[in-house]
C-alpha atoms as a PDB file:
ATOM      1  CA  UNK A   1       0.000   0.000   0.000  1.00  0.00           C
ATOM      2  CA  UNK A   2       0.930   3.651   0.191  1.00  0.00           C
ATOM      3  CA  UNK A   3       4.488   3.965   1.457  1.00  0.00           C
ATOM      4  CA  UNK A   4       3.838   6.632   4.047  1.00  0.00           C
ATOM      5  CA  UNK A   5       4.978   6.204   7.644  1.00  0.00           C
ATOM      6  CA  UNK A   6       2.647   3.822   9.406  1.00  0.00           C
ATOM      7  CA  UNK A   7       2.267   2.000  12.645  1.00  0.00           C
ATOM      8  CA  UNK A   8       1.796  -1.604  13.728  1.00  0.00           C
ATOM      9  CA  UNK A   9      -1.162  -3.508  12.359  1.00  0.00           C
ATOM     10  CA  UNK A  10      -4.015  -4.395  14.677  1.00  0.00           C
ATOM     11  CA  UNK A  11      -6.671  -7.063  14.691  1.00  0.00           C
ATOM     12  CA  UNK A  12      -9.102  -4.403  13.466  1.00  0.00           C
ATOM     13  CA  UNK A  13      -8.000  -3.586   9.909  1.00  0.00           C
ATOM     14  CA  UNK A  14      -8.544  -0.056   8.600  1.00  0.00           C
ATOM     15  CA  UNK A  15     -10.037  -1.568   5.429  1.00  0.00           C
ATOM     16  CA  UNK A  16     -12.814  -2.976   7.582  1.00  0.00           C
ATOM     17  CA  UNK A  17     -13.586   0.482   8.934  1.00  0.00           C
ATOM     18  CA  UNK A  18     -13.756   2.029   5.468  1.00  0.00           C
ATOM     19  CA  UNK A  19     -15.963  -0.781   4.171  1.00  0.00           C
ATOM     20  CA  UNK A  20     -18.561  -0.137   6.868  1.00  0.00           C
ATOM     21  CA  UNK A  21     -19.654   3.151   5.300  1.00  0.00           C
ATOM     22  CA  UNK A  22     -22.352   4.774   7.416  1.00  0.00           C
ATOM     23  CA  UNK A  23     -22.011   1.916   9.896  1.00  0.00           C
ATOM     24  CA  UNK A  24     -18.376   2.778  10.648  1.00  0.00           C
ATOM     25  CA  UNK A  25     -17.414   2.863  14.329  1.00  0.00           C
ATOM     26  CA  UNK A  26     -18.360   6.149  15.964  1.00  0.00           C
ATOM     27  CA  UNK A  27     -16.830   5.710  19.384  1.00  0.00           C
ATOM     28  CA  UNK A  28     -13.486   4.593  20.695  1.00  0.00           C
ATOM     29  CA  UNK A  29     -15.095   1.576  22.314  1.00  0.00           C
ATOM     30  CA  UNK A  30     -15.731   0.002  18.918  1.00  0.00           C
ATOM     31  CA  UNK A  31     -12.071  -0.213  17.831  1.00  0.00           C
ATOM     32  CA  UNK A  32      -8.681  -0.787  19.466  1.00  0.00           C
ATOM     33  CA  UNK A  33      -7.508   2.134  21.566  1.00  0.00           C
ATOM     34  CA  UNK A  34      -4.537   3.060  19.369  1.00  0.00           C
ATOM     35  CA  UNK A  35      -6.659   3.177  16.217  1.00  0.00           C
ATOM     36  CA  UNK A  36      -9.346   5.175  17.998  1.00  0.00           C
ATOM     37  CA  UNK A  37      -6.783   7.769  19.047  1.00  0.00           C
ATOM     38  CA  UNK A  38      -5.335   7.892  15.532  1.00  0.00           C
ATOM     39  CA  UNK A  39      -8.772   8.652  14.092  1.00  0.00           C
ATOM     40  CA  UNK A  40      -9.706  10.879  17.046  1.00  0.00           C
ATOM     41  CA  UNK A  41     -12.869   8.928  17.717  1.00  0.00           C
ATOM     42  CA  UNK A  42     -14.907  10.310  20.624  1.00  0.00           C
ATOM     43  CA  UNK A  43     -14.479   8.583  23.947  1.00  0.00           C
ATOM     44  CA  UNK A  44     -17.053   8.111  26.648  1.00  0.00           C
ATOM     45  CA  UNK A  45     -17.518  11.289  28.655  1.00  0.00           C
ATOM     46  CA  UNK A  46     -15.838  11.320  32.038  1.00  0.00           C
ATOM     47  CA  UNK A  47     -17.125  13.106  35.075  1.00  0.00           C
ATOM     48  CA  UNK A  48     -15.149  15.826  36.773  1.00  0.00           C
ATOM     49  CA  UNK A  49     -12.921  18.540  35.399  1.00  0.00           C
ATOM     50  CA  UNK A  50     -11.893  18.426  31.719  1.00  0.00           C
ATOM     51  CA  UNK A  51      -8.520  16.814  31.175  1.00  0.00           C
ATOM     52  CA  UNK A  52      -5.635  19.292  30.966  1.00  0.00           C
ATOM     53  CA  UNK A  53      -3.854  17.034  28.494  1.00  0.00           C
ATOM     54  CA  UNK A  54      -5.128  15.406  25.332  1.00  0.00           C
ATOM     55  CA  UNK A  55      -3.826  13.579  22.269  1.00  0.00           C
ATOM     56  CA  UNK A  56      -3.570  16.759  20.189  1.00  0.00           C
ATOM     57  CA  UNK A  57      -1.337  18.512  22.698  1.00  0.00           C
ATOM     58  CA  UNK A  58       0.905  15.484  23.104  1.00  0.00           C
ATOM     59  CA  UNK A  59       1.277  14.939  19.361  1.00  0.00           C
ATOM     60  CA  UNK A  60       1.797  18.636  18.639  1.00  0.00           C
ATOM     61  CA  UNK A  61       4.585  18.863  21.205  1.00  0.00           C
ATOM     62  CA  UNK A  62       6.231  15.711  19.855  1.00  0.00           C
ATOM     63  CA  UNK A  63       6.147  16.999  16.254  1.00  0.00           C
ATOM     64  CA  UNK A  64       7.700  20.309  17.325  1.00  0.00           C
ATOM     65  CA  UNK A  65      10.411  18.385  19.135  1.00  0.00           C
ATOM     66  CA  UNK A  66      11.110  16.209  16.081  1.00  0.00           C
ATOM     67  CA  UNK A  67      11.248  19.263  13.802  1.00  0.00           C
ATOM     68  CA  UNK A  68      14.008  20.730  15.964  1.00  0.00           C
ATOM     69  CA  UNK A  69      15.887  17.645  17.170  1.00  0.00           C
ATOM     70  CA  UNK A  70      15.021  14.881  14.715  1.00  0.00           C
ATOM     71  CA  UNK A  71      13.080  11.713  15.387  1.00  0.00           C
ATOM     72  CA  UNK A  72      15.780  10.334  17.691  1.00  0.00           C
ATOM     73  CA  UNK A  73      15.315  13.381  19.883  1.00  0.00           C
ATOM     74  CA  UNK A  74      11.715  12.460  20.674  1.00  0.00           C
ATOM     75  CA  UNK A  75      11.144  10.497  23.855  1.00  0.00           C
ATOM     76  CA  UNK A  76       8.078  10.262  26.033  1.00  0.00           C
ATOM     77  CA  UNK A  77      10.086  11.813  28.842  1.00  0.00           C
ATOM     78  CA  UNK A  78      11.077  14.850  26.743  1.00  0.00           C
ATOM     79  CA  UNK A  79       7.547  15.343  25.451  1.00  0.00           C
ATOM     80  CA  UNK A  80       6.193  15.186  28.984  1.00  0.00           C
ATOM     81  CA  UNK A  81       8.730  17.705  30.220  1.00  0.00           C
ATOM     82  CA  UNK A  82       7.883  20.057  27.366  1.00  0.00           C
ATOM     83  CA  UNK A  83       4.234  19.961  28.375  1.00  0.00           C
ATOM     84  CA  UNK A  84       4.942  20.224  32.091  1.00  0.00           C
ATOM     85  CA  UNK A  85       3.623  16.785  32.951  1.00  0.00           C
ATOM     86  CA  UNK A  86       5.088  13.499  34.092  1.00  0.00           C
ATOM     87  CA  UNK A  87       5.879  10.713  31.668  1.00  0.00           C
ATOM     88  CA  UNK A  88       3.179   8.546  33.241  1.00  0.00           C
ATOM     89  CA  UNK A  89       0.571  11.200  32.398  1.00  0.00           C
ATOM     90  CA  UNK A  90       1.182  10.630  28.698  1.00  0.00           C
ATOM     91  CA  UNK A  91       0.190   6.962  28.825  1.00  0.00           C
ATOM     92  CA  UNK A  92      -3.413   7.983  29.330  1.00  0.00           C
ATOM     93  CA  UNK A  93      -3.337   9.519  25.845  1.00  0.00           C
ATOM     94  CA  UNK A  94      -0.581   7.620  24.026  1.00  0.00           C
ATOM     95  CA  UNK A  95      -0.041   3.924  24.612  1.00  0.00           C
ATOM     96  CA  UNK A  96       3.623   3.695  23.612  1.00  0.00           C
ATOM     97  CA  UNK A  97       6.504   5.410  21.826  1.00  0.00           C
ATOM     98  CA  UNK A  98       5.624   3.468  18.660  1.00  0.00           C
ATOM     99  CA  UNK A  99       2.055   4.712  18.799  1.00  0.00           C
ATOM    100  CA  UNK A 100       3.252   8.268  19.377  1.00  0.00           C
ATOM    101  CA  UNK A 101       5.445   8.094  16.274  1.00  0.00           C
ATOM    102  CA  UNK A 102       2.505   6.887  14.183  1.00  0.00           C
ATOM    103  CA  UNK A 103       0.368   9.732  15.515  1.00  0.00           C
ATOM    104  CA  UNK A 104       3.169  12.193  14.764  1.00  0.00           C
ATOM    105  CA  UNK A 105       3.598  10.925  11.214  1.00  0.00           C
ATOM    106  CA  UNK A 106      -0.076  11.195  10.353  1.00  0.00           C
ATOM    107  CA  UNK A 107      -0.255  14.655  11.931  1.00  0.00           C
ATOM    108  CA  UNK A 108       2.850  15.934  10.122  1.00  0.00           C
ATOM    109  CA  UNK A 109       1.807  14.453   6.786  1.00  0.00           C
ATOM    110  CA  UNK A 110      -1.331  16.547   7.064  1.00  0.00           C
ATOM    111  CA  UNK A 111      -4.331  16.686   4.799  1.00  0.00           C
ATOM    112  CA  UNK A 112      -3.850  15.880   1.132  1.00  0.00           C
ATOM    113  CA  UNK A 113      -4.160  18.909  -1.158  1.00  0.00           C
ATOM    114  CA  UNK A 114      -6.799  19.435  -3.778  1.00  0.00           C
ATOM    115  CA  UNK A 115      -5.229  18.678  -7.150  1.00  0.00           C
ATOM    116  CA  UNK A 116      -6.536  20.621 -10.138  1.00  0.00           C
ATOM    117  CA  UNK A 117      -4.723  18.503 -12.676  1.00  0.00           C
ATOM    118  CA  UNK A 118      -4.742  18.391 -16.428  1.00  0.00           C
ATOM    119  CA  UNK A 119      -5.110  14.651 -16.831  1.00  0.00           C
ATOM    120  CA  UNK A 120      -3.902  11.710 -14.757  1.00  0.00           C
ATOM    121  CA  UNK A 121      -0.227  12.163 -15.619  1.00  0.00           C
ATOM    122  CA  UNK A 122      -0.157  15.771 -14.503  1.00  0.00           C
ATOM    123  CA  UNK A 123      -2.110  14.719 -11.426  1.00  0.00           C
ATOM    124  CA  UNK A 124       0.514  12.172 -10.379  1.00  0.00           C
ATOM    125  CA  UNK A 125       3.260  14.762 -10.847  1.00  0.00           C
ATOM    126  CA  UNK A 126       1.328  17.226  -8.679  1.00  0.00           C
ATOM    127  CA  UNK A 127       0.681  14.556  -6.049  1.00  0.00           C
ATOM    128  CA  UNK A 128       4.379  13.614  -5.942  1.00  0.00           C
ATOM    129  CA  UNK A 129       5.421  17.269  -5.686  1.00  0.00           C
ATOM    130  CA  UNK A 130       2.963  17.837  -2.848  1.00  0.00           C
ATOM    131  CA  UNK A 131       4.168  14.896  -0.752  1.00  0.00           C
ATOM    132  CA  UNK A 132       7.817  15.895  -1.364  1.00  0.00           C
ATOM    133  CA  UNK A 133       6.984  19.351  -0.018  1.00  0.00           C
ATOM    134  CA  UNK A 134       5.395  17.853   3.084  1.00  0.00           C
ATOM    135  CA  UNK A 135       8.483  15.722   3.699  1.00  0.00           C
ATOM    136  CA  UNK A 136      10.700  18.779   3.263  1.00  0.00           C
ATOM    137  CA  UNK A 137       8.719  20.545   5.989  1.00  0.00           C
ATOM    138  CA  UNK A 138       9.276  17.611   8.352  1.00  0.00           C
ATOM    139  CA  UNK A 139      12.529  15.877   7.265  1.00  0.00           C
ATOM    140  CA  UNK A 140      12.290  13.285  10.038  1.00  0.00           C
ATOM    141  CA  UNK A 141       9.239  11.713   8.347  1.00  0.00           C
ATOM    142  CA  UNK A 142      11.493   9.675   6.072  1.00  0.00           C
ATOM    143  CA  UNK A 143      13.047   8.086   9.168  1.00  0.00           C
ATOM    144  CA  UNK A 144       9.719   6.704  10.391  1.00  0.00           C
ATOM    145  CA  UNK A 145       9.658   2.943   9.734  1.00  0.00           C
ATOM    146  CA  UNK A 146       6.968   1.487   7.516  1.00  0.00           C
ATOM    147  CA  UNK A 147       5.488  -1.204   9.702  1.00  0.00           C
ATOM    148  CA  UNK A 148       2.416  -1.891   7.603  1.00  0.00           C
ATOM    149  CA  UNK A 149      -0.240  -0.295   5.391  1.00  0.00           C
ATOM    150  CA  UNK A 150      -1.250   3.292   6.257  1.00  0.00           C
ATOM    151  CA  UNK A 151      -3.876   3.526   8.971  1.00  0.00           C
ATOM    152  CA  UNK A 152      -4.282   7.213   9.784  1.00  0.00           C
ATOM    153  CA  UNK A 153      -6.968   9.474   8.303  1.00  0.00           C
ATOM    154  CA  UNK A 154      -4.431  11.787   6.682  1.00  0.00           C
ATOM    155  CA  UNK A 155      -2.554   8.884   5.099  1.00  0.00           C
ATOM    156  CA  UNK A 156      -5.832   7.486   3.796  1.00  0.00           C
ATOM    157  CA  UNK A 157      -6.612  10.960   2.464  1.00  0.00           C
ATOM    158  CA  UNK A 158      -3.388  10.978   0.428  1.00  0.00           C
ATOM    159  CA  UNK A 159      -4.269   7.518  -0.851  1.00  0.00           C
ATOM    160  CA  UNK A 160      -7.731   8.667  -1.851  1.00  0.00           C
ATOM    161  CA  UNK A 161      -6.361  11.740  -3.641  1.00  0.00           C
ATOM    162  CA  UNK A 162      -3.953   9.600  -5.657  1.00  0.00           C
ATOM    163  CA  UNK A 163      -6.685   7.155  -6.638  1.00  0.00           C
ATOM    164  CA  UNK A 164      -8.930  10.020  -7.754  1.00  0.00           C
ATOM    165  CA  UNK A 165      -6.218  11.049 -10.186  1.00  0.00           C
ATOM    166  CA  UNK A 166      -6.464   7.596 -11.790  1.00  0.00           C
ATOM    167  CA  UNK A 167     -10.267   7.484 -11.683  1.00  0.00           C
ATOM    168  CA  UNK A 168     -10.838   7.875 -15.418  1.00  0.00           C
ATOM    169  CA  UNK A 169      -7.975   5.663 -16.609  1.00  0.00           C
ATOM    170  CA  UNK A 170     -10.052   2.512 -16.780  1.00  0.00           C
ATOM    171  CA  UNK A 171      -7.576   0.643 -14.590  1.00  0.00           C
ATOM    172  CA  UNK A 172      -8.890  -1.871 -12.080  1.00  0.00           C
ATOM    173  CA  UNK A 173      -8.531  -1.190  -8.337  1.00  0.00           C
ATOM    174  CA  UNK A 174      -5.708  -3.688  -7.829  1.00  0.00           C
ATOM    175  CA  UNK A 175      -3.653  -2.098 -10.605  1.00  0.00           C
ATOM    176  CA  UNK A 176      -4.275   1.376  -9.198  1.00  0.00           C
ATOM    177  CA  UNK A 177      -3.129   0.192  -5.783  1.00  0.00           C
ATOM    178  CA  UNK A 178       0.028  -1.243  -7.350  1.00  0.00           C
ATOM    179  CA  UNK A 179       0.781   2.048  -9.076  1.00  0.00           C
ATOM    180  CA  UNK A 180       0.310   3.846  -5.781  1.00  0.00           C
ATOM    181  CA  UNK A 181       2.877   1.577  -4.119  1.00  0.00           C
ATOM    182  CA  UNK A 182       5.421   2.105  -6.909  1.00  0.00           C
ATOM    183  CA  UNK A 183       5.041   5.892  -7.084  1.00  0.00           C
ATOM    184  CA  UNK A 184       4.989   6.484  -3.327  1.00  0.00           C
ATOM    185  CA  UNK A 185       7.985   4.177  -2.895  1.00  0.00           C
ATOM    186  CA  UNK A 186       9.872   6.042  -5.602  1.00  0.00           C
ATOM    187  CA  UNK A 187       9.149   9.413  -3.987  1.00  0.00           C
ATOM    188  CA  UNK A 188      10.161   8.206  -0.541  1.00  0.00           C
ATOM    189  CA  UNK A 189      13.403   6.669  -1.833  1.00  0.00           C
ATOM    190  CA  UNK A 190      14.241   9.853  -3.765  1.00  0.00           C
ATOM    191  CA  UNK A 191      13.764  11.930  -0.623  1.00  0.00           C
ATOM    192  CA  UNK A 192      15.901   9.561   1.432  1.00  0.00           C
ATOM    193  CA  UNK A 193      18.641   9.573  -1.202  1.00  0.00           C
ATOM    194  CA  UNK A 194      18.569  13.367  -1.347  1.00  0.00           C
ATOM    195  CA  UNK A 195      18.966  13.609   2.418  1.00  0.00           C
ATOM    196  CA  UNK A 196      21.837  11.154   2.445  1.00  0.00           C
ATOM    197  CA  UNK A 197      23.631  12.973  -0.352  1.00  0.00           C
ATOM    198  CA  UNK A 198      23.156  16.298   1.409  1.00  0.00           C
ATOM    199  CA  UNK A 199      24.621  14.785   4.575  1.00  0.00           C
ATOM    200  CA  UNK A 200      27.555  13.433   2.570  1.00  0.00           C
ATOM    201  CA  UNK A 201      28.536  16.855   1.270  1.00  0.00           C
ATOM    202  CA  UNK A 202      27.785  18.661   4.535  1.00  0.00           C
ATOM    203  CA  UNK A 203      30.553  21.078   5.445  1.00  0.00           C
ATOM    204  CA  UNK A 204      32.188  20.934   2.013  1.00  0.00           C
ATOM    205  CA  UNK A 205      30.462  23.974   0.584  1.00  0.00           C
ATOM    206  CA  UNK A 206      29.718  21.979  -2.560  1.00  0.00           C
ATOM    207  CA  UNK A 207      26.374  21.749  -4.310  1.00  0.00           C
ATOM    208  CA  UNK A 208      25.076  18.520  -5.784  1.00  0.00           C
ATOM    209  CA  UNK A 209      26.037  19.860  -9.229  1.00  0.00           C
ATOM    210  CA  UNK A 210      29.602  20.384  -7.994  1.00  0.00           C
ATOM    211  CA  UNK A 211      29.781  16.885  -6.549  1.00  0.00           C
ATOM    212  CA  UNK A 212      28.543  15.254  -9.743  1.00  0.00           C
ATOM    213  CA  UNK A 213      30.847  17.288 -11.970  1.00  0.00           C
ATOM    214  CA  UNK A 214      33.865  16.452  -9.798  1.00  0.00           C
ATOM    215  CA  UNK A 215      32.813  12.809  -9.881  1.00  0.00           C
ATOM    216  CA  UNK A 216      32.592  12.789 -13.656  1.00  0.00           C
ATOM    217  CA  UNK A 217      35.962  14.461 -14.139  1.00  0.00           C
ATOM    218  CA  UNK A 218      37.737  12.179 -11.657  1.00  0.00           C
ATOM    219  CA  UNK A 219      36.312   8.952 -13.051  1.00  0.00           C
ATOM    220  CA  UNK A 220      36.791   9.923 -16.691  1.00  0.00           C
ATOM    221  CA  UNK A 221      40.545   9.346 -16.262  1.00  0.00           C
ATOM    222  CA  UNK A 222      39.966   5.856 -14.838  1.00  0.00           C
ATOM    223  CA  UNK A 223      37.032   4.392 -16.750  1.00  0.00           C
ATOM    224  CA  UNK A 224      38.598   3.205 -20.021  1.00  0.00           C
ATOM    225  CA  UNK A 225      36.470   1.831 -22.873  1.00  0.00           C
ATOM    226  CA  UNK A 226      38.597  -1.307 -23.186  1.00  0.00           C
ATOM    227  CA  UNK A 227      37.564  -2.379 -19.701  1.00  0.00           C
ATOM    228  CA  UNK A 228      34.193  -0.649 -19.408  1.00  0.00           C
ATOM    229  CA  UNK A 229      32.857  -0.345 -22.978  1.00  0.00           C
ATOM    230  CA  UNK A 230      29.363   0.783 -21.943  1.00  0.00           C
ATOM    231  CA  UNK A 231      30.210   2.969 -18.944  1.00  0.00           C
ATOM    232  CA  UNK A 232      33.122   4.848 -20.479  1.00  0.00           C
ATOM    233  CA  UNK A 233      31.013   6.853 -22.980  1.00  0.00           C
ATOM    234  CA  UNK A 234      29.017   8.334 -20.099  1.00  0.00           C
ATOM    235  CA  UNK A 235      32.091   9.915 -18.605  1.00  0.00           C
ATOM    236  CA  UNK A 236      33.577  10.902 -21.958  1.00  0.00           C
ATOM    237  CA  UNK A 237      30.349  12.703 -22.902  1.00  0.00           C
ATOM    238  CA  UNK A 238      30.170  14.652 -19.639  1.00  0.00           C
ATOM    239  CA  UNK A 239      26.908  13.004 -18.639  1.00  0.00           C
ATOM    240  CA  UNK A 240      27.386  14.060 -15.017  1.00  0.00           C
ATOM    241  CA  UNK A 241      27.804  17.762 -15.755  1.00  0.00           C
ATOM    242  CA  UNK A 242      24.905  20.185 -15.357  1.00  0.00           C
ATOM    243  CA  UNK A 243      24.177  23.390 -17.186  1.00  0.00           C
ATOM    244  CA  UNK A 244      24.261  26.593 -15.092  1.00  0.00           C
ATOM    245  CA  UNK A 245      21.058  26.965 -13.127  1.00  0.00           C
ATOM    246  CA  UNK A 246      20.038  23.336 -13.513  1.00  0.00           C
ATOM    247  CA  UNK A 247      19.121  21.259 -10.474  1.00  0.00           C
ATOM    248  CA  UNK A 248      20.381  17.696 -11.030  1.00  0.00           C
ATOM    249  CA  UNK A 249      18.288  16.296  -8.189  1.00  0.00           C
ATOM    250  CA  UNK A 250      15.095  17.748  -9.633  1.00  0.00           C
ATOM    251  CA  UNK A 251      16.004  16.581 -13.120  1.00  0.00           C
ATOM    252  CA  UNK A 252      16.717  13.062 -11.904  1.00  0.00           C
ATOM    253  CA  UNK A 253      13.479  12.978  -9.924  1.00  0.00           C
ATOM    254  CA  UNK A 254      11.313  14.084 -12.850  1.00  0.00           C
ATOM    255  CA  UNK A 255      13.118  11.714 -15.228  1.00  0.00           C
ATOM    256  CA  UNK A 256      12.548   8.718 -12.943  1.00  0.00           C
ATOM    257  CA  UNK A 257       8.921   9.587 -12.313  1.00  0.00           C
ATOM    258  CA  UNK A 258       8.282   9.951 -16.039  1.00  0.00           C
ATOM    259  CA  UNK A 259       9.761   6.498 -16.642  1.00  0.00           C
ATOM    260  CA  UNK A 260       7.281   5.060 -14.150  1.00  0.00           C
ATOM    261  CA  UNK A 261       4.408   6.944 -15.739  1.00  0.00           C
ATOM    262  CA  UNK A 262       5.402   5.679 -19.175  1.00  0.00           C
ATOM    263  CA  UNK A 263       4.771   2.217 -17.780  1.00  0.00           C
ATOM    264  CA  UNK A 264       1.406   3.329 -16.368  1.00  0.00           C
ATOM    265  CA  UNK A 265       0.500   4.770 -19.758  1.00  0.00           C
ATOM    266  CA  UNK A 266       1.323   1.430 -21.377  1.00  0.00           C
ATOM    267  CA  UNK A 267      -0.879  -0.356 -18.834  1.00  0.00           C
ATOM    268  CA  UNK A 268      -3.745   2.017 -19.610  1.00  0.00           C
ATOM    269  CA  UNK A 269      -3.297   1.441 -23.334  1.00  0.00           C
ATOM    270  CA  UNK A 270      -3.408  -2.345 -22.875  1.00  0.00           C
ATOM    271  CA  UNK A 271      -6.580  -2.042 -20.900  1.00  0.00           C
ATOM    272  CA  UNK A 272      -8.370   0.056 -23.506  1.00  0.00           C
ATOM    273  CA  UNK A 273      -7.643  -2.156 -26.505  1.00  0.00           C
END
């Protein structure tokens, strides 16, 4: 499924909730506690003063902490201290660190945008650009492990938006789901690669264009056509050099995405014959 950060699977599958339609669970008592908190289902009213702490406050504080210190910097103890409560107070609203991370990921991913696209291909490009932007706003999202299919309402919203883009393609649901997996996986891997490359050149003062040009020049003297008949022409032709003002990362991303969409276009053509 959609390769967005997700949490552990439960006995109550999110697909079951969606298939219930108007009969979907309306209270937290109908589903496991972690899933109820993820979907912010109403809980039974408690007597006495309103709680000073709730899921939204806990998750908001944890996201702020991750934005400043990275995912490794988020602990239940730190979140509790930020809010002025004890660590034990958090367990009333968040069952575990793993659950907190899932809540954080769905919160940070946010609502999917409305895509006014000119056809399915443009729609996928817009969808990919939108999720890349969201990851750029919260870089730690790419560090969240994918433990299963997406379960949160925001993640399902991104899924739904993607599938709407493919609505008029004539593709069957299983094929659409497969395309979603491929595209979301490609975007996530591209973001991760970009972060790793940025970390690799940290402190050097070099841009990605500089790194690739230096790479091409250095290897051109070593990669001889007698030994590497197919690779050598790449270096001889300056394939790793960029024109002034070009962004090699963006070019590579668009190129790779277009290759995937060429395959989708072929699948659509086969289905309409």
